[in-house]
Amino acid sequence: MNEIRFDGKIAIITGAGRGLGRLYAIELARRGAAVVVNDLGGSRDGSGSDTAPAQSVVDEIRNFGGKAIPNFDSVATIEGGEKIIQTAIDAFGTVDILINNAGILADKTIMKMSEKEWDIVQEVNLKGTFSVTRAAFPIMREKKFGRIIFTSSGSGLYGNFGQTNYAAAKMGLIGFMNALKLEGAKYNITCNTIAPIAASRLTEDVLPPELFKKLRPEDVVPLVLYLCWEGCTESGMIFNCAGGWFSRTAVVCGRGIKLGDGCNEISPEAIRDNWQKIANLENAEVLGSLVESFKFIV
């Protein structure tokens, strides 16, 4: 088979000093991409900073002859996002691939969660993705090419105890992707989302030890690289990936039942009596946009 290559492509990976981000950066570089390795170097709750993680990955890439440059800015501000993209422009002239990988945890049950613990998770996981993507998008639009990856989580898609802040941010990324795919469609900019489960410093005390050992982060990399490849034109999709298992998840719309015409009154009793039809997901559809849902209404 022909190898998937990224020769001449410029990739930015946020949170690439460790874990999955590090592996994405190394494998993209091995396959010909020039890479910006972004990492603030903070702890998993977002505190602190350290240039060593990003620099270490850059050194590793350069040691096997790859092209890489570090960036130590935070994704959590517009200014930080712009500086990350500018690093790519200054070093390599453009950006083709953006993998939004940076993320933090601040797990608490809602009764114990502070406003700060809510806000910082939104700032890094959700706003951070916006900040970097916003800065990269005009460049991709101008050149009519771009591959953008968002990193969601099963916590957002399905829920997980004690992670209301994290789950909200990660599900917010799905809405972000759903809208951005429409803005990028005619410019050959694809947007896809992964929901990985992998052994990392974020999951080492969350996952059962026996499961943690099986969830090699290396097993997530092939899917991400495929979605970054210029030959992959899928957009607006969500993929689970864990322990060598890959599947698609989708937000679907049931066919439901039309109880009103805009003129007649609809009672709570009518909802009760038709509940099985309202809640039924048989023959549910994946909708490409809000506008597509109008067919059920008119």
Protein backbone atom coordinates (compact mmCIF):
# COMPACT_ATOMS: atom_id res chain seq x y z
CA MET A 1 0.00 0.00 0.00
CA ASN A 2 1.06 3.58 -0.58
CA GLU A 3 2.18 5.15 2.67
CA ILE A 4 0.21 8.12 3.95
CA ARG A 5 2.70 11.00 3.86
CA PHE A 6 2.70 14.63 4.92
CA ASP A 7 5.67 15.94 2.95
CA GLY A 8 5.46 19.71 2.61
CA LYS A 9 2.65 19.99 5.16
CA ILE A 10 2.90 22.15 8.29
CA ALA A 11 1.23 20.79 11.41
CA ILE A 12 0.51 22.40 14.78
CA ILE A 13 -0.23 20.18 17.76
CA THR A 14 -1.29 21.77 21.02
CA GLY A 15 -0.41 20.08 24.29
CA ALA A 16 2.24 18.12 22.43
CA GLY A 17 4.89 17.92 25.15
CA ARG A 18 3.55 14.66 26.54
CA GLY A 19 1.10 11.83 25.91
CA LEU A 20 -0.97 11.72 22.76
CA GLY A 21 0.22 15.11 21.53
CA ARG A 22 3.83 14.01 21.64
CA LEU A 23 3.02 10.87 19.64
CA TYR A 24 1.09 12.86 17.00
CA ALA A 25 4.02 15.25 16.60
CA ILE A 26 6.61 12.50 16.27
CA GLU A 27 4.65 10.42 13.77
CA LEU A 28 3.69 13.40 11.62
CA ALA A 29 7.35 14.42 11.53
CA ARG A 30 8.42 10.87 10.64
CA ARG A 31 6.01 11.04 7.72
CA GLY A 32 7.39 14.31 6.40
CA ALA A 33 5.49 17.12 8.11
CA ALA A 34 7.16 20.11 9.73
CA VAL A 35 5.72 20.38 13.22
CA VAL A 36 5.06 23.11 15.77
CA VAL A 37 5.15 21.45 19.19
CA ASN A 38 3.04 23.60 21.50
CA ASP A 39 2.97 23.01 25.23
CA LEU A 40 2.73 25.41 28.15
CA GLY A 41 4.23 22.68 30.31
CA GLY A 42 1.70 23.05 33.12
CA SER A 43 0.34 20.41 35.46
CA ARG A 44 -2.79 18.48 34.59
CA ASP A 45 -4.94 21.05 36.45
CA GLY A 46 -3.49 23.87 34.34
CA SER A 47 -1.18 25.38 36.94
CA GLY A 48 2.48 26.21 36.36
CA SER A 49 4.61 26.20 33.22
CA ASP A 50 7.75 24.50 31.97
CA THR A 51 9.52 24.72 28.60
CA ALA A 52 11.14 21.30 28.98
CA PRO A 53 8.30 19.06 27.67
CA ALA A 54 7.88 20.85 24.31
CA GLN A 55 11.61 21.30 23.83
CA SER A 56 12.22 17.62 24.57
CA VAL A 57 9.82 16.55 21.82
CA VAL A 58 11.40 18.97 19.37
CA ASP A 59 14.85 17.59 20.20
CA GLU A 60 13.56 14.05 19.71
CA ILE A 61 12.21 14.94 16.26
CA ARG A 62 15.33 16.76 15.20
CA ASN A 63 17.48 13.83 16.31
CA PHE A 64 15.92 11.59 13.64
CA GLY A 65 16.15 14.32 11.00
CA GLY A 66 12.65 15.73 11.27
CA LYS A 67 11.59 19.37 11.26
CA ALA A 68 10.12 20.85 14.44
CA ILE A 69 10.01 24.01 16.48
CA PRO A 70 8.68 24.54 20.02
CA ASN A 71 6.06 26.96 21.23
CA PHE A 72 5.34 27.57 24.92
CA ASP A 73 2.22 29.79 24.80
CA SER A 74 -1.05 29.01 26.54
CA VAL A 75 -4.00 28.16 24.32
CA ALA A 76 -6.41 29.73 26.82
CA THR A 77 -6.29 33.27 25.36
CA ILE A 78 -6.79 34.79 21.94
CA GLU A 79 -3.30 36.26 22.18
CA GLY A 80 -1.83 32.85 22.96
CA GLY A 81 -3.63 31.26 20.03
CA GLU A 82 -2.35 33.92 17.67
CA LYS A 83 1.22 33.47 18.91
CA ILE A 84 1.03 29.71 18.34
CA ILE A 85 -0.05 30.20 14.73
CA GLN A 86 2.51 32.95 14.23
CA THR A 87 5.22 30.52 15.32
CA ALA A 88 4.27 28.29 12.39
CA ILE A 89 4.19 31.23 9.98
CA ASP A 90 7.58 32.55 11.08
CA ALA A 91 9.26 29.15 10.94
CA PHE A 92 7.54 27.41 8.03
CA GLY A 93 5.39 29.98 6.21
CA THR A 94 1.91 28.51 6.67
CA VAL A 95 -0.26 25.97 8.48
CA ASP A 96 -2.07 22.98 6.97
CA ILE A 97 -2.96 20.80 9.94
CA LEU A 98 -4.17 21.74 13.41
CA ILE A 99 -4.61 19.13 16.11
CA ASN A 100 -6.33 20.66 19.14
CA ASN A 101 -5.05 18.30 21.81
CA ALA A 102 -4.33 20.51 24.85
CA GLY A 103 -6.56 19.82 27.82
CA ILE A 104 -6.73 19.79 31.60
CA LEU A 105 -8.84 18.27 34.36
CA ALA A 106 -10.25 19.70 37.57
CA ASP A 107 -12.61 16.94 38.66
CA LYS A 108 -15.13 17.58 41.43
CA THR A 109 -18.76 16.79 42.03
CA ILE A 110 -20.92 19.83 41.35
CA MET A 111 -21.53 20.56 45.03
CA LYS A 112 -17.78 20.80 45.63
CA MET A 113 -16.78 22.51 42.38
CA SER A 114 -15.63 26.11 42.60
CA GLU A 115 -16.20 28.78 39.97
CA LYS A 116 -12.46 28.77 39.28
CA GLU A 117 -12.45 25.01 38.69
CA TRP A 118 -15.35 25.41 36.25
CA ASP A 119 -13.83 28.38 34.43
CA ILE A 120 -10.29 27.08 33.95
CA VAL A 121 -11.52 23.86 32.35
CA GLN A 122 -13.65 25.85 29.90
CA GLU A 123 -10.77 28.24 29.20
CA VAL A 124 -8.29 25.53 28.25
CA ASN A 125 -10.45 22.78 26.74
CA LEU A 126 -13.11 24.84 24.94
CA LYS A 127 -11.88 28.41 24.58
CA GLY A 128 -8.36 27.12 23.96
CA THR A 129 -9.58 25.21 20.93
CA PHE A 130 -11.40 28.32 19.73
CA SER A 131 -8.37 30.57 20.24
CA VAL A 132 -5.98 28.49 18.14
CA THR A 133 -8.54 27.48 15.50
CA ARG A 134 -9.67 31.08 15.06
CA ALA A 135 -6.09 32.12 14.30
CA ALA A 136 -5.45 29.22 11.90
CA PHE A 137 -8.72 29.34 9.95
CA PRO A 138 -8.06 32.44 7.81
CA ILE A 139 -4.78 30.96 6.59
CA MET A 140 -6.45 27.66 5.68
CA ARG A 141 -9.31 29.48 3.99
CA GLU A 142 -6.93 31.59 1.90
CA LYS A 143 -5.03 28.54 0.66
CA LYS A 144 -8.22 26.45 0.35
CA PHE A 145 -6.88 23.60 2.42
CA GLY A 146 -6.98 22.65 6.07
CA ARG A 147 -7.37 19.69 8.38
CA ILE A 148 -8.61 20.46 11.90
CA ILE A 149 -8.96 17.90 14.68
CA PHE A 150 -10.89 18.52 17.89
CA THR A 151 -10.41 16.35 20.98
CA SER A 152 -13.63 15.57 22.81
CA SER A 153 -14.26 12.83 25.35
CA GLY A 154 -16.69 10.08 26.23
CA SER A 155 -17.30 12.15 29.37
CA GLY A 156 -18.98 14.75 27.20
CA LEU A 157 -20.65 12.37 24.78
CA TYR A 158 -22.02 9.94 27.37
CA GLY A 159 -21.32 11.46 30.82
CA ASN A 160 -18.94 10.57 33.66
CA PHE A 161 -19.36 11.07 37.38
CA GLY A 162 -17.59 14.08 38.85
CA GLN A 163 -16.74 15.72 35.53
CA THR A 164 -19.50 18.24 34.84
CA ASN A 165 -16.99 20.97 33.95
CA TYR A 166 -14.92 18.73 31.68
CA ALA A 167 -17.97 17.09 30.09
CA ALA A 168 -19.54 20.46 29.31
CA ALA A 169 -16.37 21.71 27.64
CA LYS A 170 -15.88 18.53 25.66
CA MET A 171 -19.47 18.44 24.43
CA GLY A 172 -19.17 22.12 23.56
CA LEU A 173 -16.49 21.12 21.07
CA ILE A 174 -19.06 19.03 19.20
CA GLY A 175 -21.22 22.10 18.66
CA PHE A 176 -18.14 24.06 17.61
CA MET A 177 -17.23 21.41 15.04
CA ASN A 178 -20.77 21.10 13.72
CA ALA A 179 -20.87 24.81 12.90
CA LEU A 180 -17.29 25.19 11.72
CA LYS A 181 -17.55 22.31 9.24
CA LEU A 182 -20.15 24.38 7.38
CA GLU A 183 -17.89 27.44 7.28
CA GLY A 184 -14.98 25.40 5.99
CA ALA A 185 -16.77 23.16 3.50
CA LYS A 186 -16.23 25.17 0.31
CA TYR A 187 -12.60 25.87 1.21
CA ASN A 188 -11.53 22.21 1.55
CA ILE A 189 -11.20 22.61 5.31
CA THR A 190 -12.36 19.53 7.18
CA CYS A 191 -13.18 19.40 10.88
CA ASN A 192 -13.43 16.11 12.75
CA THR A 193 -13.49 15.14 16.41
CA ILE A 194 -11.97 12.23 18.29
CA ALA A 195 -13.07 10.95 21.68
CA PRO A 196 -10.04 8.95 22.79
CA ILE A 197 -9.46 6.89 25.90
CA ALA A 198 -5.75 6.37 26.42
CA ALA A 199 -3.27 5.85 29.22
CA SER A 200 -1.92 9.28 30.20
CA ARG A 201 -1.30 11.49 33.20
CA LEU A 202 -4.91 12.69 32.88
CA THR A 203 -6.32 9.16 33.20
CA GLU A 204 -3.83 7.31 35.41
CA ASP A 205 -5.94 7.73 38.57
CA VAL A 206 -9.29 7.69 36.78
CA LEU A 207 -9.16 4.36 34.93
CA PRO A 208 -8.94 0.93 36.60
CA PRO A 209 -5.26 -0.21 36.58
CA GLU A 210 -5.93 -3.31 34.47
CA LEU A 211 -7.70 -1.22 31.83
CA PHE A 212 -5.09 1.55 31.98
CA LYS A 213 -2.40 -0.94 30.91
CA LYS A 214 -4.35 -1.93 27.79
CA LEU A 215 -5.11 1.57 26.53
CA ARG A 216 -1.93 2.33 24.64
CA PRO A 217 -1.89 5.93 23.40
CA GLU A 218 -0.08 4.68 20.28
CA ASP A 219 -3.34 3.05 19.18
CA VAL A 220 -5.07 6.43 18.82
CA VAL A 221 -2.45 7.88 16.47
CA PRO A 222 -3.40 6.05 13.23
CA LEU A 223 -6.94 7.46 13.22
CA VAL A 224 -5.76 11.00 13.86
CA LEU A 225 -3.17 10.83 11.09
CA TYR A 226 -5.75 9.48 8.66
CA LEU A 227 -8.11 12.38 9.47
CA CYS A 228 -5.22 14.83 8.90
CA TRP A 229 -4.37 13.34 5.50
CA GLU A 230 -5.26 15.35 2.41
CA GLY A 231 -6.91 12.26 0.92
CA CYS A 232 -9.47 12.11 3.75
CA THR A 233 -12.36 14.43 2.92
CA GLU A 234 -14.76 13.37 5.69
CA SER A 235 -15.90 16.29 7.83
CA GLY A 236 -18.12 16.81 10.86
CA MET A 237 -17.64 13.33 12.25
CA ILE A 238 -17.01 12.06 15.79
CA PHE A 239 -14.91 8.96 16.41
CA ASN A 240 -14.33 6.84 19.50
CA CYS A 241 -10.87 5.33 19.76
CA ALA A 242 -9.55 3.21 22.60
CA GLY A 243 -7.41 0.10 22.91
CA GLY A 244 -7.45 -0.59 19.18
CA TRP A 245 -11.24 -0.10 18.91
CA PHE A 246 -12.50 2.53 16.47
CA SER A 247 -16.12 3.55 15.90
CA ARG A 248 -18.23 6.49 14.91
CA THR A 249 -20.58 8.31 17.25
CA ALA A 250 -23.22 10.72 15.98
CA VAL A 251 -25.90 13.07 17.25
CA VAL A 252 -29.08 11.77 15.64
CA CYS A 253 -32.60 13.08 15.24
CA GLY A 254 -35.61 10.79 15.63
CA ARG A 255 -38.50 11.13 13.21
CA GLY A 256 -40.96 11.89 16.02
CA ILE A 257 -44.53 12.91 15.44
CA LYS A 258 -46.12 16.20 14.34
CA LEU A 259 -48.83 17.16 16.82
CA GLY A 260 -49.42 20.74 15.78
CA ASP A 261 -49.66 22.98 12.75
CA GLY A 262 -48.82 26.31 14.35
CA CYS A 263 -52.47 27.08 15.03
CA ASN A 264 -53.90 24.34 17.24
CA GLU A 265 -53.16 24.02 20.96
CA ILE A 266 -51.02 21.10 22.12
CA SER A 267 -51.67 19.79 25.63
CA PRO A 268 -49.29 18.07 28.07
CA GLU A 269 -51.67 15.11 27.82
CA ALA A 270 -51.00 14.89 24.08
CA ILE A 271 -47.27 14.71 24.84
CA ARG A 272 -47.94 11.97 27.39
CA ASP A 273 -50.12 9.96 25.03
CA ASN A 274 -47.56 10.17 22.19
CA TRP A 275 -44.43 9.79 24.30
CA GLN A 276 -43.31 6.52 22.72
CA LYS A 277 -43.34 8.09 19.26
CA ILE A 278 -41.59 11.25 20.47
CA ALA A 279 -38.81 9.33 22.23
CA ASN A 280 -38.39 6.65 19.56
CA LEU A 281 -35.03 6.62 17.76
CA GLU A 282 -35.92 3.96 15.21
CA ASN A 283 -34.86 5.20 11.76
CA ALA A 284 -33.19 8.23 13.37
CA GLU A 285 -31.09 10.39 11.03
CA VAL A 286 -27.78 12.21 11.20
CA LEU A 287 -28.51 15.79 10.18
CA GLY A 288 -25.92 17.89 8.41
CA SER A 289 -27.15 21.21 9.81
CA LEU A 290 -29.97 22.89 11.72
CA VAL A 291 -31.68 23.67 8.42
CA GLU A 292 -32.06 19.97 7.66
CA SER A 293 -34.28 19.58 10.73
CA PHE A 294 -36.88 21.89 9.17
CA LYS A 295 -38.19 19.01 7.04
CA PHE A 296 -39.76 17.51 10.14
CA ILE A 297 -41.49 20.76 11.01
CA VAL A 298 -43.05 22.02 7.79
